[in-house]
Each structure stands twice: as structure tokens, then as C-alpha cells.
Protein backbone atom coordinates (compact mmCIF):
# COMPACT_ATOMS: atom_id res chain seq x y z
CA MET A 1 -14.49 -11.06 25.05
CA SER A 2 -12.32 -9.47 22.97
CA LYS A 3 -11.62 -6.16 22.73
CA ARG A 4 -10.93 -5.92 19.06
CA ILE A 5 -8.14 -5.14 17.96
CA ALA A 6 -8.94 -3.83 15.43
CA SER A 7 -11.03 -1.43 16.37
CA SER A 8 -11.08 2.02 14.86
CA ARG A 9 -10.66 3.50 18.12
CA ALA A 10 -7.86 4.67 20.50
CA SER A 11 -9.52 3.44 24.03
CA ILE A 12 -10.33 0.20 22.75
CA VAL A 13 -7.35 -0.68 21.06
CA SER A 14 -5.82 0.56 23.74
CA ASP A 15 -7.78 -1.77 26.42
CA ALA A 16 -6.63 -5.10 23.71
CA GLU A 17 -3.33 -4.32 24.39
CA HIS A 18 -3.32 -4.57 28.11
CA ASP A 19 -5.24 -7.48 27.54
CA ILE A 20 -1.82 -9.10 25.75
CA ARG A 21 0.83 -7.74 27.83
CA SER A 22 -1.42 -9.80 30.37
CA ARG A 23 -2.13 -12.35 27.96
CA LEU A 24 1.60 -12.72 27.29
CA ARG A 25 2.93 -11.73 30.63
CA GLY A 26 5.75 -14.48 31.84
CA HIS A 27 7.09 -14.25 28.05
CA GLU A 28 10.28 -12.23 26.86
CA LEU A 29 9.41 -9.92 25.06
CA ASP A 30 8.73 -6.49 23.67
CA PHE A 31 5.85 -4.95 23.40
CA THR A 32 6.35 -1.68 22.39
CA ALA A 33 7.79 -2.63 19.35
CA MET A 34 4.69 -5.40 19.54
CA SER A 35 2.17 -2.45 19.43
CA ALA A 36 3.79 0.02 17.19
CA VAL A 37 4.45 -3.00 14.12
CA SER A 38 0.59 -4.19 15.23
CA ASN A 39 -0.59 -0.55 14.16
CA ILE A 40 1.51 -0.01 11.49
CA TYR A 41 -0.32 -2.52 10.00
CA ARG A 42 -3.78 -2.59 11.16
CA SER A 43 -3.71 1.33 9.80
CA GLY A 44 -2.50 0.00 6.67
CA SER A 45 -5.18 -2.57 6.59
CA ALA A 46 -8.00 0.65 7.83
CA ILE A 47 -6.42 2.61 4.63
CA ARG A 48 -6.11 0.43 1.88
CA ASN A 49 -9.51 -0.67 2.99
CA HIS A 50 -11.54 2.66 3.39
CA MET A 51 -10.15 3.22 -0.14
CA GLU A 52 -11.06 -0.32 -1.74
CA ARG A 53 -14.88 1.38 -0.66
CA ALA A 54 -14.87 4.47 -0.92
CA VAL A 55 -12.58 5.26 -3.63
CA LEU A 56 -10.92 2.57 -6.44
CA SER A 57 -14.90 0.56 -6.33
CA ASP A 58 -16.39 3.91 -8.35
CA TYR A 59 -13.88 2.39 -10.68
CA ASP A 60 -13.40 -1.01 -10.92
CA LEU A 61 -10.22 -1.10 -9.24
CA SER A 62 -8.68 -3.16 -6.96
CA TRP A 63 -5.58 -1.83 -4.77
CA VAL A 64 -2.45 -2.88 -6.72
CA ALA A 65 -4.62 -1.69 -9.82
CA PHE A 66 -4.64 1.74 -8.63
CA THR A 67 -0.91 1.43 -7.27
CA VAL A 68 0.03 -0.70 -11.14
CA LEU A 69 -1.50 2.42 -12.68
CA TRP A 70 -0.73 5.14 -10.75
CA VAL A 71 3.36 3.51 -10.99
CA LEU A 72 3.16 4.07 -14.73
CA TRP A 73 1.54 7.48 -14.61
CA ILE A 74 4.64 8.69 -11.98
CA TRP A 75 7.61 7.08 -13.76
CA GLY A 76 6.54 6.63 -17.08
CA GLU A 77 7.08 3.66 -19.59
CA GLN A 78 8.46 0.10 -16.98
CA GLU A 79 9.29 -3.29 -16.99
CA THR A 80 6.75 -4.97 -15.56
CA GLY A 81 9.48 -6.70 -12.88
CA HIS A 82 10.12 -2.94 -11.59
CA VAL A 83 5.96 -2.75 -11.54
CA ALA A 84 5.56 -5.50 -9.02
CA ALA A 85 8.52 -4.68 -6.84
CA GLU A 86 6.57 -0.90 -6.45
CA ALA A 87 3.05 -2.61 -6.38
CA GLY A 88 3.83 -4.86 -3.81
CA VAL A 89 3.51 -7.90 -5.42
CA THR A 90 4.83 -11.20 -7.33
CA LYS A 91 4.78 -11.16 -11.47
CA GLY A 92 2.52 -13.64 -11.47
CA THR A 93 0.15 -11.58 -9.50
CA LEU A 94 1.28 -8.46 -11.95
CA THR A 95 -0.34 -10.86 -14.88
CA GLY A 96 -3.50 -10.95 -14.05
CA VAL A 97 -3.41 -7.76 -13.14
CA ILE A 98 -2.16 -6.60 -15.96
CA LYS A 99 -4.31 -8.37 -18.64
CA THR A 100 -7.47 -6.67 -16.41
CA LEU A 101 -6.37 -3.38 -16.63
CA GLN A 102 -4.93 -4.42 -20.46
CA GLY A 103 -8.62 -5.37 -21.49
CA ARG A 104 -9.77 -2.12 -19.95
CA LYS A 105 -7.07 -0.55 -22.34
CA LEU A 106 -5.99 1.83 -19.51
CA LEU A 107 -2.48 0.38 -19.83
CA ARG A 108 -0.69 -2.09 -23.31
CA ARG A 109 2.68 -3.94 -23.16
CA ALA A 110 5.22 -3.98 -25.55
CA PRO A 111 7.84 -7.35 -25.62
CA HIS A 112 11.81 -6.26 -25.30
CA LEU A 113 13.81 -5.15 -28.08
CA ASP A 114 16.39 -7.64 -27.11
CA ASP A 115 14.92 -10.54 -25.09
CA ARG A 116 11.26 -10.80 -25.58
CA ARG A 117 10.98 -12.94 -21.51
CA ARG A 118 11.07 -9.26 -20.75
CA VAL A 119 7.81 -7.01 -20.87
CA SER A 120 7.28 -3.43 -20.66
CA ILE A 121 4.31 -1.21 -19.34
CA SER A 122 2.49 1.79 -20.25
CA LEU A 123 -0.72 4.02 -19.93
CA THR A 124 -3.43 4.61 -22.38
CA LYS A 125 -3.88 7.45 -23.21
CA THR A 126 -7.66 6.07 -21.36
CA GLY A 127 -5.48 5.15 -18.45
CA VAL A 128 -3.94 8.57 -17.96
CA ARG A 129 -7.92 10.17 -18.10
CA LEU A 130 -8.57 7.00 -15.66
CA ILE A 131 -5.79 8.33 -13.19
CA GLU A 132 -5.80 11.47 -13.70
CA LYS A 133 -9.36 11.41 -12.92
CA VAL A 134 -8.82 9.29 -9.71
CA PHE A 135 -5.93 10.45 -7.95
CA PRO A 136 -7.53 14.01 -6.55
CA GLN A 137 -10.00 11.04 -5.12
CA PHE A 138 -7.62 9.37 -3.49
CA ASN A 139 -5.85 11.91 -2.65
CA GLU A 140 -8.72 13.61 -0.90
CA HIS A 141 -9.47 10.69 1.32
CA GLU A 142 -5.53 10.40 2.21
CA THR A 143 -6.22 13.63 3.60
CA LEU A 144 -9.29 12.10 5.98
CA ALA A 145 -7.01 9.67 6.93
CA VAL A 146 -4.38 11.51 8.79
CA SER A 147 -6.93 14.65 9.57
CA ALA A 148 -6.38 13.56 13.57
CA LEU A 149 -3.15 14.81 13.14
CA THR A 150 -1.48 18.26 12.52
CA ARG A 151 0.48 18.84 9.70
CA SER A 152 3.57 18.77 12.26
CA GLU A 153 2.72 15.96 13.48
CA GLN A 154 1.74 14.05 10.12
CA LEU A 155 5.23 15.26 8.74
CA GLU A 156 6.99 13.46 11.79
CA LEU A 157 5.10 10.43 10.93
CA ALA A 158 6.46 10.31 7.63
CA ARG A 159 9.75 10.44 8.60
CA LEU A 160 9.35 8.42 11.55
CA LEU A 161 7.52 5.40 9.03
CA ARG A 162 10.00 6.27 5.97
CA LEU A 163 12.89 4.85 8.90
CA VAL A 164 10.58 1.84 10.14
CA LEU A 165 11.06 1.40 6.22
CA GLY A 166 14.43 1.75 5.99
CA GLY A 167 15.33 -0.26 9.51
CA ILE A 168 13.56 -3.55 7.35
CA GLY A 169 14.91 -2.52 4.43
CA GLU A 170 18.56 -3.10 5.89
CA VAL A 171 17.21 -6.40 7.73
CA ASP A 172 15.99 -7.66 3.93
CA ALA A 173 18.92 -6.82 2.20
CA PRO A 174 21.26 -9.31 0.78
CA ASN A 175 25.04 -9.36 2.41
CA SER A 176 26.81 -8.08 0.10
């Protein structure tokens, strides 16, 4: 029977990790790296699912739609390619999200002056009001998500995750 690697209970995850090591014994694998990456992924997925259920669903927003609103709120008008990269989605996926948000009058599209293929998006006043209403609730749940950690541990976690992101960014960067 599975030990439920997706469990939120540390003891169950630890048991599952033990089972994985036992099953893969004899293979030359980096179990420490496997455990770290698996826990990053599972934590991120659990937080995203919680945020969508506990906060974003009340406003009929997906994670990506929320991210688009947040990016535009923080940095203002952006070209769609930049927003897609920030939201971690393809331009095709972003197109559907933009149509939905535009239909709800939360953002507006503006064609580039010199190149009609390029489009910029920005928040409407309704979009600004929505993100200003949603974000404090979202942040309350961010606080809840890390409440098992001390303030110092939260800072250390953020620092360590930035190192992971920097390392994978170097791996993904094209050779110059």
C-alpha cells in the first residue's frame, strides 16, 4: 500500500521516501536531490491548490489569471510575451486567459504602435480594484503556508529557493 507521497504529514512523506529508496536500491541515484526536488514540487503544488480553493475560487480566478493580474498590478503595462514568461505559461495559454480577463473588464489590450503582431496588456480600474481586494487575502494564506517556520527559517527557505532557481536558470540558459 502506498505511503502517500502526496501527504502533508511529514512522517508519512518520510515513510514514502524510505519506500522509494528501498525500491530503487542498487541504482546509482542521488536520493537527496530527488527528495529535495520532489518536496519542492509537492509543496508548490499543495500551496497552489490551496490558494485556488481557499482564495481565488471566491473571485473566479485561476492561478494563472491571478498571476497575470498581479504582474500587471506590480509592473504596469506589459507586452504579452513578458507576461507569459512571468506567469510561466505559453503565449497560447495566455491568450485564453487574456480573453477571459478582458471579457470580465479586468484588463485591456493595446496593439504595439510599430508592430501590430505585438500586444500590450494593462489593468482596468476594475482589475486594479479586484487585485487590491484579493491580494491581502492571498497574502494571509501565504503566511499560513509557512506558519510552521520561524521568521528566520522563512528567510532561509526563500534564500535557498533563490539558489535553486539560479542554478536551474544557468542550466536552461542558452550558450552565449
